[in-house]
Amino acid sequence: MKKKLREDDFFFCYDKELAQRLKKMGNRYIHSARSISTGDIFTLFHKDEKFHYSLKQIKKEENK
């Protein structure tokens, strides 16, 4: 049975630098777009195991 995806399964990244770091760590993004309500550009990632691991590594580096 397929898992039904919800909004919580996605990460809307409005930080260009963070999005670039996640991409460099091998995380594939779904789409980049402009928010209708704010006009800001975001990159959409699926929150899978690799994504969570990468985010933890980034946070760990920032806290050094």
N, C-alpha and C. Protein backbone atom coordinates (compact mmCIF):
# COMPACT_ATOMS: atom_id res chain seq x y z
N MET A 1 0.84 -1.18 0.00
CA MET A 1 0.00 0.00 0.00
C MET A 1 0.88 1.25 0.00
N LYS A 2 0.58 2.18 -0.84
CA LYS A 2 1.36 3.41 -0.94
C LYS A 2 1.05 4.35 0.22
N LYS A 3 2.09 5.04 0.66
CA LYS A 3 1.92 6.03 1.72
C LYS A 3 1.34 7.30 1.11
N LYS A 4 0.34 7.83 1.74
CA LYS A 4 -0.27 9.07 1.27
C LYS A 4 0.58 10.24 1.75
N LEU A 5 1.06 11.05 0.83
CA LEU A 5 1.91 12.19 1.19
C LEU A 5 1.07 13.34 1.72
N ARG A 6 1.65 14.02 2.72
CA ARG A 6 1.00 15.19 3.31
C ARG A 6 1.95 16.38 3.22
N GLU A 7 1.47 17.54 3.54
CA GLU A 7 2.30 18.74 3.50
C GLU A 7 3.51 18.61 4.42
N ASP A 8 3.37 17.89 5.53
CA ASP A 8 4.48 17.69 6.47
C ASP A 8 5.63 16.88 5.88
N ASP A 9 5.39 16.22 4.77
CA ASP A 9 6.41 15.40 4.13
C ASP A 9 7.34 16.23 3.24
N PHE A 10 7.09 17.52 3.16
CA PHE A 10 7.87 18.39 2.29
C PHE A 10 8.49 19.55 3.05
N PHE A 11 9.61 20.04 2.54
CA PHE A 11 10.31 21.17 3.14
C PHE A 11 10.39 22.28 2.10
N PHE A 12 9.74 23.40 2.39
CA PHE A 12 9.78 24.56 1.53
C PHE A 12 10.95 25.42 1.99
N CYS A 13 12.02 25.43 1.24
CA CYS A 13 13.25 26.12 1.64
C CYS A 13 13.32 27.48 0.94
N TYR A 14 13.21 28.55 1.73
CA TYR A 14 13.29 29.90 1.20
C TYR A 14 14.69 30.49 1.34
N ASP A 15 15.62 29.72 1.89
CA ASP A 15 16.99 30.15 2.08
C ASP A 15 17.85 29.58 0.95
N LYS A 16 18.28 30.45 0.06
CA LYS A 16 19.02 30.02 -1.13
C LYS A 16 20.31 29.27 -0.76
N GLU A 17 21.03 29.78 0.23
CA GLU A 17 22.29 29.15 0.66
C GLU A 17 22.03 27.75 1.22
N LEU A 18 21.00 27.61 2.04
CA LEU A 18 20.66 26.30 2.60
C LEU A 18 20.26 25.33 1.49
N ALA A 19 19.48 25.79 0.54
CA ALA A 19 19.07 24.94 -0.58
C ALA A 19 20.30 24.46 -1.35
N GLN A 20 21.26 25.33 -1.59
CA GLN A 20 22.47 24.95 -2.31
C GLN A 20 23.26 23.90 -1.52
N ARG A 21 23.36 24.08 -0.22
CA ARG A 21 24.09 23.11 0.62
C ARG A 21 23.40 21.75 0.59
N LEU A 22 22.09 21.75 0.68
CA LEU A 22 21.35 20.48 0.63
C LEU A 22 21.56 19.79 -0.71
N LYS A 23 21.55 20.56 -1.79
CA LYS A 23 21.78 19.98 -3.13
C LYS A 23 23.19 19.41 -3.23
N LYS A 24 24.18 20.13 -2.72
CA LYS A 24 25.57 19.66 -2.77
C LYS A 24 25.76 18.37 -1.99
N MET A 25 24.93 18.15 -0.98
CA MET A 25 25.01 16.94 -0.17
C MET A 25 24.25 15.78 -0.82
N GLY A 26 23.76 15.99 -2.02
CA GLY A 26 23.11 14.92 -2.77
C GLY A 26 21.60 14.84 -2.64
N ASN A 27 21.01 15.82 -2.02
CA ASN A 27 19.55 15.83 -1.89
C ASN A 27 18.95 16.39 -3.19
N ARG A 28 18.02 15.64 -3.73
CA ARG A 28 17.37 16.08 -4.95
C ARG A 28 16.17 16.94 -4.58
N TYR A 29 15.98 17.99 -5.31
CA TYR A 29 14.82 18.84 -5.04
C TYR A 29 13.72 18.52 -6.04
N ILE A 30 12.50 18.80 -5.65
CA ILE A 30 11.35 18.52 -6.49
C ILE A 30 11.12 19.65 -7.47
N HIS A 31 11.22 20.88 -6.94
CA HIS A 31 10.85 22.02 -7.77
C HIS A 31 11.34 23.31 -7.13
N SER A 32 11.65 24.28 -7.94
CA SER A 32 11.90 25.64 -7.47
C SER A 32 10.81 26.51 -8.08
N ALA A 33 10.28 27.41 -7.27
CA ALA A 33 9.18 28.24 -7.75
C ALA A 33 9.11 29.54 -6.95
N ARG A 34 8.22 30.38 -7.37
CA ARG A 34 7.99 31.65 -6.67
C ARG A 34 6.66 31.54 -5.93
N SER A 35 6.67 31.92 -4.66
CA SER A 35 5.45 31.90 -3.85
C SER A 35 4.45 32.92 -4.40
N ILE A 36 3.23 32.48 -4.55
CA ILE A 36 2.18 33.38 -5.04
C ILE A 36 1.91 34.48 -4.02
N SER A 37 1.90 34.13 -2.74
CA SER A 37 1.53 35.11 -1.71
C SER A 37 2.63 36.11 -1.40
N THR A 38 3.92 35.68 -1.44
CA THR A 38 5.00 36.60 -1.05
C THR A 38 5.88 37.02 -2.22
N GLY A 39 5.89 36.24 -3.28
CA GLY A 39 6.77 36.53 -4.40
C GLY A 39 8.18 36.01 -4.21
N ASP A 40 8.46 35.41 -3.05
CA ASP A 40 9.80 34.87 -2.76
C ASP A 40 10.00 33.53 -3.46
N ILE A 41 11.24 33.25 -3.85
CA ILE A 41 11.56 31.99 -4.49
C ILE A 41 11.86 30.95 -3.42
N PHE A 42 11.34 29.73 -3.63
CA PHE A 42 11.61 28.63 -2.70
C PHE A 42 12.02 27.40 -3.50
N THR A 43 12.70 26.48 -2.80
CA THR A 43 13.05 25.18 -3.37
C THR A 43 12.35 24.13 -2.52
N LEU A 44 11.68 23.20 -3.16
CA LEU A 44 10.88 22.20 -2.47
C LEU A 44 11.64 20.87 -2.40
N PHE A 45 11.82 20.36 -1.18
CA PHE A 45 12.50 19.08 -0.95
C PHE A 45 11.53 18.10 -0.30
N HIS A 46 11.71 16.82 -0.58
CA HIS A 46 10.96 15.77 0.12
C HIS A 46 11.75 15.42 1.38
N LYS A 47 11.09 15.34 2.51
CA LYS A 47 11.75 15.02 3.77
C LYS A 47 11.93 13.51 3.89
N ASP A 48 13.00 12.99 3.30
CA ASP A 48 13.30 11.58 3.43
C ASP A 48 14.48 11.42 4.40
N GLU A 49 14.97 10.19 4.55
CA GLU A 49 16.06 9.94 5.49
C GLU A 49 17.31 10.74 5.15
N LYS A 50 17.67 10.79 3.88
CA LYS A 50 18.86 11.52 3.44
C LYS A 50 18.72 13.01 3.77
N PHE A 51 17.53 13.56 3.54
CA PHE A 51 17.28 14.97 3.84
C PHE A 51 17.48 15.25 5.33
N HIS A 52 16.88 14.41 6.19
CA HIS A 52 17.00 14.63 7.63
C HIS A 52 18.45 14.51 8.09
N TYR A 53 19.18 13.54 7.55
CA TYR A 53 20.59 13.39 7.89
C TYR A 53 21.38 14.63 7.47
N SER A 54 21.15 15.11 6.26
CA SER A 54 21.86 16.29 5.76
C SER A 54 21.57 17.51 6.61
N LEU A 55 20.32 17.69 6.98
CA LEU A 55 19.94 18.84 7.80
C LEU A 55 20.62 18.78 9.17
N LYS A 56 20.71 17.57 9.75
CA LYS A 56 21.40 17.42 11.04
C LYS A 56 22.88 17.77 10.90
N GLN A 57 23.51 17.34 9.79
CA GLN A 57 24.92 17.64 9.56
C GLN A 57 25.13 19.15 9.42
N ILE A 58 24.28 19.81 8.72
CA ILE A 58 24.38 21.27 8.53
C ILE A 58 24.25 21.98 9.87
N LYS A 59 23.26 21.57 10.66
CA LYS A 59 23.06 22.19 11.98
C LYS A 59 24.26 21.95 12.88
N LYS A 60 24.84 20.74 12.80
CA LYS A 60 26.01 20.40 13.60
C LYS A 60 27.19 21.30 13.21
N GLU A 61 27.39 21.53 11.92
CA GLU A 61 28.48 22.40 11.43
C GLU A 61 28.27 23.83 11.89
N GLU A 62 27.03 24.30 11.89
CA GLU A 62 26.75 25.67 12.29
C GLU A 62 26.96 25.90 13.78
N ASN A 63 26.83 24.86 14.58
CA ASN A 63 26.96 24.98 16.03
C ASN A 63 28.40 24.81 16.51
N LYS A 64 29.34 24.63 15.62
CA LYS A 64 30.74 24.48 16.01
C LYS A 64 31.32 25.78 16.48
